[in-house]
Amino acid sequence: MPLSLTDVLLIPIERPRCGRCRTRMNLSSIVPRPDHCEKRTFECPNCDFIETRMVSDSVKSKEVTRLAENIRPPA
C-alpha cells in the first residue's frame, strides 16, 4: 500500500539503540545535505556513545514529489 503525503510527513524519527548499552539514543542534531539527505547525530544518555547516520529526507523523496505534483483543485 503506498504512503500518502500525510503519512510521510508524520513519520517519527527513529531513535536507535546504543551499540554499547542498548539504551534508546537521543537525537542531538540534524544537518541537511545538498543531496537531499540528512546527517543525524544521536547520543546515548547512559554511556555518552555517539552515532551518526545518513538518512534520505522523506519530505524530498520521490513519493512525496509525485504526490505533490498530482494534487489538483477540485473540478
PDB file of N, CA and C in Angstrom:
ATOM      1  N   MET A   1       0.859  -1.180   0.000  1.00  0.00           N
ATOM      2  CA  MET A   1       0.000   0.000   0.000  1.00  0.00           C
ATOM      3  C   MET A   1       0.902   1.240   0.000  1.00  0.00           C
ATOM      4  N   PRO A   2       0.722   2.155  -0.936  1.00  0.00           N
ATOM      5  CA  PRO A   2       1.574   3.348  -0.991  1.00  0.00           C
ATOM      6  C   PRO A   2       1.284   4.306   0.158  1.00  0.00           C
ATOM      7  N   LEU A   3       2.283   5.081   0.521  1.00  0.00           N
ATOM      8  CA  LEU A   3       2.130   6.080   1.577  1.00  0.00           C
ATOM      9  C   LEU A   3       1.439   7.323   1.034  1.00  0.00           C
ATOM     10  N   SER A   4       0.624   7.945   1.861  1.00  0.00           N
ATOM     11  CA  SER A   4       0.030   9.221   1.485  1.00  0.00           C
ATOM     12  C   SER A   4       0.975  10.333   1.915  1.00  0.00           C
ATOM     13  N   LEU A   5       0.733  11.533   1.434  1.00  0.00           N
ATOM     14  CA  LEU A   5       1.569  12.680   1.795  1.00  0.00           C
ATOM     15  C   LEU A   5       1.540  12.895   3.306  1.00  0.00           C
ATOM     16  N   THR A   6       0.380  12.742   3.924  1.00  0.00           N
ATOM     17  CA  THR A   6       0.253  12.916   5.376  1.00  0.00           C
ATOM     18  C   THR A   6       1.064  11.866   6.124  1.00  0.00           C
ATOM     19  N   ASP A   7       1.037  10.616   5.656  1.00  0.00           N
ATOM     20  CA  ASP A   7       1.795   9.552   6.304  1.00  0.00           C
ATOM     21  C   ASP A   7       3.290   9.865   6.295  1.00  0.00           C
ATOM     22  N   VAL A   8       3.786  10.342   5.170  1.00  0.00           N
ATOM     23  CA  VAL A   8       5.220  10.623   5.049  1.00  0.00           C
ATOM     24  C   VAL A   8       5.621  11.771   5.954  1.00  0.00           C
ATOM     25  N   LEU A   9       4.811  12.814   6.034  1.00  0.00           N
ATOM     26  CA  LEU A   9       5.157  13.979   6.834  1.00  0.00           C
ATOM     27  C   LEU A   9       5.067  13.723   8.333  1.00  0.00           C
ATOM     28  N   LEU A  10       4.324  12.701   8.747  1.00  0.00           N
ATOM     29  CA  LEU A  10       4.133  12.433  10.168  1.00  0.00           C
ATOM     30  C   LEU A  10       4.959  11.260  10.691  1.00  0.00           C
ATOM     31  N   ILE A  11       5.860  10.727   9.864  1.00  0.00           N
ATOM     32  CA  ILE A  11       6.690   9.617  10.305  1.00  0.00           C
ATOM     33  C   ILE A  11       7.673  10.126  11.355  1.00  0.00           C
ATOM     34  N   PRO A  12       7.698   9.504  12.546  1.00  0.00           N
ATOM     35  CA  PRO A  12       8.624   9.967  13.586  1.00  0.00           C
ATOM     36  C   PRO A  12      10.060   9.579  13.254  1.00  0.00           C
ATOM     37  N   ILE A  13      10.996  10.292  13.834  1.00  0.00           N
ATOM     38  CA  ILE A  13      12.400   9.965  13.653  1.00  0.00           C
ATOM     39  C   ILE A  13      12.728   8.768  14.532  1.00  0.00           C
ATOM     40  N   GLU A  14      13.298   7.760  13.915  1.00  0.00           N
ATOM     41  CA  GLU A  14      13.667   6.557  14.644  1.00  0.00           C
ATOM     42  C   GLU A  14      14.794   6.870  15.631  1.00  0.00           C
ATOM     43  N   ARG A  15      14.640   6.388  16.844  1.00  0.00           N
ATOM     44  CA  ARG A  15      15.684   6.540  17.862  1.00  0.00           C
ATOM     45  C   ARG A  15      16.356   5.182  18.025  1.00  0.00           C
ATOM     46  N   PRO A  16      17.551   5.029  17.450  1.00  0.00           N
ATOM     47  CA  PRO A  16      18.209   3.721  17.533  1.00  0.00           C
ATOM     48  C   PRO A  16      18.674   3.401  18.948  1.00  0.00           C
ATOM     49  N   ARG A  17      18.951   2.138  19.163  1.00  0.00           N
ATOM     50  CA  ARG A  17      19.508   1.709  20.449  1.00  0.00           C
ATOM     51  C   ARG A  17      21.026   1.842  20.396  1.00  0.00           C
ATOM     52  N   CYS A  18      21.595   2.183  21.522  1.00  0.00           N
ATOM     53  CA  CYS A  18      23.040   2.347  21.648  1.00  0.00           C
ATOM     54  C   CYS A  18      23.740   1.023  21.354  1.00  0.00           C
ATOM     55  N   GLY A  19      24.833   1.094  20.601  1.00  0.00           N
ATOM     56  CA  GLY A  19      25.605  -0.098  20.282  1.00  0.00           C
ATOM     57  C   GLY A  19      26.349  -0.674  21.473  1.00  0.00           C
ATOM     58  N   ARG A  20      26.519   0.117  22.508  1.00  0.00           N
ATOM     59  CA  ARG A  20      27.232  -0.347  23.716  1.00  0.00           C
ATOM     60  C   ARG A  20      26.283  -0.890  24.776  1.00  0.00           C
ATOM     61  N   CYS A  21      25.297  -0.066  25.166  1.00  0.00           N
ATOM     62  CA  CYS A  21      24.467  -0.440  26.326  1.00  0.00           C
ATOM     63  C   CYS A  21      23.000  -0.703  25.979  1.00  0.00           C
ATOM     64  N   ARG A  22      22.620  -0.553  24.711  1.00  0.00           N
ATOM     65  CA  ARG A  22      21.261  -0.844  24.207  1.00  0.00           C
ATOM     66  C   ARG A  22      20.182   0.129  24.701  1.00  0.00           C
ATOM     67  N   THR A  23      20.565   1.258  25.278  1.00  0.00           N
ATOM     68  CA  THR A  23      19.616   2.296  25.687  1.00  0.00           C
ATOM     69  C   THR A  23      19.176   3.072  24.446  1.00  0.00           C
ATOM     70  N   ARG A  24      17.942   3.539  24.409  1.00  0.00           N
ATOM     71  CA  ARG A  24      17.487   4.375  23.284  1.00  0.00           C
ATOM     72  C   ARG A  24      18.304   5.658  23.265  1.00  0.00           C
ATOM     73  N   MET A  25      18.805   6.005  22.090  1.00  0.00           N
ATOM     74  CA  MET A  25      19.642   7.193  21.954  1.00  0.00           C
ATOM     75  C   MET A  25      18.775   8.415  21.686  1.00  0.00           C
ATOM     76  N   ASN A  26      19.294   9.597  22.003  1.00  0.00           N
ATOM     77  CA  ASN A  26      18.598  10.859  21.762  1.00  0.00           C
ATOM     78  C   ASN A  26      19.176  11.527  20.525  1.00  0.00           C
ATOM     79  N   LEU A  27      18.297  12.117  19.735  1.00  0.00           N
ATOM     80  CA  LEU A  27      18.725  12.860  18.558  1.00  0.00           C
ATOM     81  C   LEU A  27      19.345  14.169  19.028  1.00  0.00           C
ATOM     82  N   SER A  28      20.596  14.427  18.653  1.00  0.00           N
ATOM     83  CA  SER A  28      21.252  15.653  19.104  1.00  0.00           C
ATOM     84  C   SER A  28      21.379  16.687  17.989  1.00  0.00           C
ATOM     85  N   SER A  29      21.418  16.254  16.723  1.00  0.00           N
ATOM     86  CA  SER A  29      21.463  17.237  15.640  1.00  0.00           C
ATOM     87  C   SER A  29      21.038  16.622  14.313  1.00  0.00           C
ATOM     88  N   ILE A  30      20.503  17.491  13.445  1.00  0.00           N
ATOM     89  CA  ILE A  30      20.169  17.127  12.069  1.00  0.00           C
ATOM     90  C   ILE A  30      20.808  18.177  11.177  1.00  0.00           C
ATOM     91  N   VAL A  31      21.616  17.735  10.237  1.00  0.00           N
ATOM     92  CA  VAL A  31      22.268  18.646   9.303  1.00  0.00           C
ATOM     93  C   VAL A  31      21.823  18.276   7.896  1.00  0.00           C
ATOM     94  N   PRO A  32      21.090  19.169   7.201  1.00  0.00           N
ATOM     95  CA  PRO A  32      20.678  18.864   5.825  1.00  0.00           C
ATOM     96  C   PRO A  32      21.882  18.889   4.896  1.00  0.00           C
ATOM     97  N   ARG A  33      21.839  18.038   3.875  1.00  0.00           N
ATOM     98  CA  ARG A  33      22.917  17.971   2.901  1.00  0.00           C
ATOM     99  C   ARG A  33      22.374  18.298   1.517  1.00  0.00           C
ATOM    100  N   PRO A  34      23.220  18.749   0.601  1.00  0.00           N
ATOM    101  CA  PRO A  34      22.750  19.140  -0.728  1.00  0.00           C
ATOM    102  C   PRO A  34      22.199  17.978  -1.555  1.00  0.00           C
ATOM    103  N   ASP A  35      22.489  16.747  -1.177  1.00  0.00           N
ATOM    104  CA  ASP A  35      21.997  15.585  -1.939  1.00  0.00           C
ATOM    105  C   ASP A  35      20.648  15.085  -1.414  1.00  0.00           C
ATOM    106  N   HIS A  36      19.909  15.963  -0.719  1.00  0.00           N
ATOM    107  CA  HIS A  36      18.577  15.659  -0.168  1.00  0.00           C
ATOM    108  C   HIS A  36      18.626  14.579   0.902  1.00  0.00           C
ATOM    109  N   CYS A  37      19.734  14.479   1.600  1.00  0.00           N
ATOM    110  CA  CYS A  37      19.865  13.580   2.741  1.00  0.00           C
ATOM    111  C   CYS A  37      20.037  14.433   3.995  1.00  0.00           C
ATOM    112  N   GLU A  38      19.952  13.764   5.128  1.00  0.00           N
ATOM    113  CA  GLU A  38      20.202  14.429   6.399  1.00  0.00           C
ATOM    114  C   GLU A  38      21.263  13.642   7.150  1.00  0.00           C
ATOM    115  N   LYS A  39      22.160  14.353   7.799  1.00  0.00           N
ATOM    116  CA  LYS A  39      23.138  13.734   8.686  1.00  0.00           C
ATOM    117  C   LYS A  39      22.577  13.866  10.092  1.00  0.00           C
ATOM    118  N   ARG A  40      22.191  12.742  10.690  1.00  0.00           N
ATOM    119  CA  ARG A  40      21.597  12.744  12.024  1.00  0.00           C
ATOM    120  C   ARG A  40      22.604  12.204  13.030  1.00  0.00           C
ATOM    121  N   THR A  41      22.793  12.938  14.110  1.00  0.00           N
ATOM    122  CA  THR A  41      23.712  12.523  15.163  1.00  0.00           C
ATOM    123  C   THR A  41      22.902  12.177  16.406  1.00  0.00           C
ATOM    124  N   PHE A  42      23.165  10.993  16.935  1.00  0.00           N
ATOM    125  CA  PHE A  42      22.476  10.507  18.130  1.00  0.00           C
ATOM    126  C   PHE A  42      23.487  10.342  19.255  1.00  0.00           C
ATOM    127  N   GLU A  43      23.057  10.654  20.491  1.00  0.00           N
ATOM    128  CA  GLU A  43      23.902  10.487  21.670  1.00  0.00           C
ATOM    129  C   GLU A  43      23.182   9.611  22.685  1.00  0.00           C
ATOM    130  N   CYS A  44      23.937   8.731  23.302  1.00  0.00           N
ATOM    131  CA  CYS A  44      23.370   7.874  24.339  1.00  0.00           C
ATOM    132  C   CYS A  44      23.366   8.633  25.664  1.00  0.00           C
ATOM    133  N   PRO A  45      22.217   8.721  26.332  1.00  0.00           N
ATOM    134  CA  PRO A  45      22.164   9.425  27.618  1.00  0.00           C
ATOM    135  C   PRO A  45      22.803   8.627  28.759  1.00  0.00           C
ATOM    136  N   ASN A  46      23.042   7.344  28.505  1.00  0.00           N
ATOM    137  CA  ASN A  46      23.581   6.479  29.552  1.00  0.00           C
ATOM    138  C   ASN A  46      25.115   6.415  29.527  1.00  0.00           C
ATOM    139  N   CYS A  47      25.700   6.184  28.334  1.00  0.00           N
ATOM    140  CA  CYS A  47      27.157   5.980  28.276  1.00  0.00           C
ATOM    141  C   CYS A  47      27.871   6.981  27.367  1.00  0.00           C
ATOM    142  N   ASP A  48      27.157   7.987  26.852  1.00  0.00           N
ATOM    143  CA  ASP A  48      27.728   9.059  26.019  1.00  0.00           C
ATOM    144  C   ASP A  48      28.277   8.584  24.671  1.00  0.00           C
ATOM    145  N   PHE A  49      27.880   7.393  24.218  1.00  0.00           N
ATOM    146  CA  PHE A  49      28.267   6.908  22.894  1.00  0.00           C
ATOM    147  C   PHE A  49      27.590   7.788  21.840  1.00  0.00           C
ATOM    148  N   ILE A  50      28.296   8.101  20.743  1.00  0.00           N
ATOM    149  CA  ILE A  50      27.748   8.947  19.674  1.00  0.00           C
ATOM    150  C   ILE A  50      27.709   8.143  18.391  1.00  0.00           C
ATOM    151  N   GLU A  51      26.592   8.248  17.674  1.00  0.00           N
ATOM    152  CA  GLU A  51      26.424   7.561  16.390  1.00  0.00           C
ATOM    153  C   GLU A  51      25.886   8.554  15.375  1.00  0.00           C
ATOM    154  N   THR A  52      26.402   8.492  14.161  1.00  0.00           N
ATOM    155  CA  THR A  52      25.940   9.360  13.078  1.00  0.00           C
ATOM    156  C   THR A  52      25.367   8.494  11.972  1.00  0.00           C
ATOM    157  N   ARG A  53      24.217   8.922  11.436  1.00  0.00           N
ATOM    158  CA  ARG A  53      23.569   8.194  10.342  1.00  0.00           C
ATOM    159  C   ARG A  53      23.202   9.160   9.228  1.00  0.00           C
ATOM    160  N   MET A  54      23.315   8.676   8.001  1.00  0.00           N
ATOM    161  CA  MET A  54      22.863   9.433   6.839  1.00  0.00           C
ATOM    162  C   MET A  54      21.488   8.885   6.475  1.00  0.00           C
ATOM    163  N   VAL A  55      20.494   9.768   6.387  1.00  0.00           N
ATOM    164  CA  VAL A  55      19.120   9.361   6.127  1.00  0.00           C
ATOM    165  C   VAL A  55      18.572  10.201   4.989  1.00  0.00           C
ATOM    166  N   SER A  56      17.884   9.545   4.048  1.00  0.00           N
ATOM    167  CA  SER A  56      17.278  10.317   2.971  1.00  0.00           C
ATOM    168  C   SER A  56      16.146  11.160   3.539  1.00  0.00           C
ATOM    169  N   ASP A  57      15.993  12.360   3.027  1.00  0.00           N
ATOM    170  CA  ASP A  57      14.972  13.297   3.506  1.00  0.00           C
ATOM    171  C   ASP A  57      13.619  12.863   2.965  1.00  0.00           C
ATOM    172  N   SER A  58      12.727  12.401   3.845  1.00  0.00           N
ATOM    173  CA  SER A  58      11.427  11.885   3.410  1.00  0.00           C
ATOM    174  C   SER A  58      10.557  12.953   2.766  1.00  0.00           C
ATOM    175  N   VAL A  59      10.746  14.215   3.121  1.00  0.00           N
ATOM    176  CA  VAL A  59       9.945  15.292   2.537  1.00  0.00           C
ATOM    177  C   VAL A  59      10.343  15.538   1.088  1.00  0.00           C
ATOM    178  N   LYS A  60      11.582  15.230   0.731  1.00  0.00           N
ATOM    179  CA  LYS A  60      12.046  15.437  -0.639  1.00  0.00           C
ATOM    180  C   LYS A  60      12.171  14.118  -1.395  1.00  0.00           C
ATOM    181  N   SER A  61      11.505  13.091  -0.917  1.00  0.00           N
ATOM    182  CA  SER A  61      11.578  11.797  -1.570  1.00  0.00           C
ATOM    183  C   SER A  61      10.777  11.797  -2.866  1.00  0.00           C
ATOM    184  N   LYS A  62      11.013  10.805  -3.694  1.00  0.00           N
ATOM    185  CA  LYS A  62      10.306  10.689  -4.970  1.00  0.00           C
ATOM    186  C   LYS A  62       8.810  10.516  -4.747  1.00  0.00           C
ATOM    187  N   GLU A  63       8.419   9.777  -3.698  1.00  0.00           N
ATOM    188  CA  GLU A  63       6.999   9.543  -3.435  1.00  0.00           C
ATOM    189  C   GLU A  63       6.270  10.842  -3.103  1.00  0.00           C
ATOM    190  N   VAL A  64       6.875  11.675  -2.269  1.00  0.00           N
ATOM    191  CA  VAL A  64       6.250  12.937  -1.890  1.00  0.00           C
ATOM    192  C   VAL A  64       6.182  13.872  -3.093  1.00  0.00           C
ATOM    193  N   THR A  65       7.239  13.916  -3.874  1.00  0.00           N
ATOM    194  CA  THR A  65       7.243  14.758  -5.067  1.00  0.00           C
ATOM    195  C   THR A  65       6.134  14.322  -6.018  1.00  0.00           C
ATOM    196  N   ARG A  66       5.999  13.026  -6.220  1.00  0.00           N
ATOM    197  CA  ARG A  66       4.952  12.509  -7.113  1.00  0.00           C
ATOM    198  C   ARG A  66       3.566  12.872  -6.591  1.00  0.00           C
ATOM    199  N   LEU A  67       3.340  12.712  -5.289  1.00  0.00           N
ATOM    200  CA  LEU A  67       2.036  13.069  -4.710  1.00  0.00           C
ATOM    201  C   LEU A  67       1.765  14.564  -4.846  1.00  0.00           C
ATOM    202  N   ALA A  68       2.766  15.387  -4.565  1.00  0.00           N
ATOM    203  CA  ALA A  68       2.591  16.838  -4.623  1.00  0.00           C
ATOM    204  C   ALA A  68       2.306  17.306  -6.057  1.00  0.00           C
ATOM    205  N   GLU A  69       2.923  16.675  -7.043  1.00  0.00           N
ATOM    206  CA  GLU A  69       2.708  17.066  -8.433  1.00  0.00           C
ATOM    207  C   GLU A  69       1.326  16.668  -8.931  1.00  0.00           C
ATOM    208  N   ASN A  70       0.716  15.652  -8.305  1.00  0.00           N
ATOM    209  CA  ASN A  70      -0.597  15.190  -8.755  1.00  0.00           C
ATOM    210  C   ASN A  70      -1.762  15.820  -8.011  1.00  0.00           C
ATOM    211  N   ILE A  71      -1.506  16.757  -7.119  1.00  0.00           N
ATOM    212  CA  ILE A  71      -2.589  17.453  -6.414  1.00  0.00           C
ATOM    213  C   ILE A  71      -3.174  18.505  -7.344  1.00  0.00           C
ATOM    214  N   ARG A  72      -4.489  18.427  -7.513  1.00  0.00           N
ATOM    215  CA  ARG A  72      -5.175  19.378  -8.389  1.00  0.00           C
ATOM    216  C   ARG A  72      -6.397  19.940  -7.665  1.00  0.00           C
ATOM    217  N   PRO A  73      -6.811  21.148  -8.002  1.00  0.00           N
ATOM    218  CA  PRO A  73      -8.023  21.689  -7.368  1.00  0.00           C
ATOM    219  C   PRO A  73      -9.241  20.882  -7.804  1.00  0.00           C
ATOM    220  N   PRO A  74     -10.282  20.861  -6.956  1.00  0.00           N
ATOM    221  CA  PRO A  74     -11.493  20.120  -7.319  1.00  0.00           C
ATOM    222  C   PRO A  74     -12.099  20.661  -8.605  1.00  0.00           C
ATOM    223  N   ALA A  75     -12.655  19.748  -9.370  1.00  0.00           N
ATOM    224  CA  ALA A  75     -13.255  20.130 -10.662  1.00  0.00           C
ATOM    225  C   ALA A  75     -14.662  20.655 -10.499  1.00  0.00           C
TER     226      ALA A  75
END
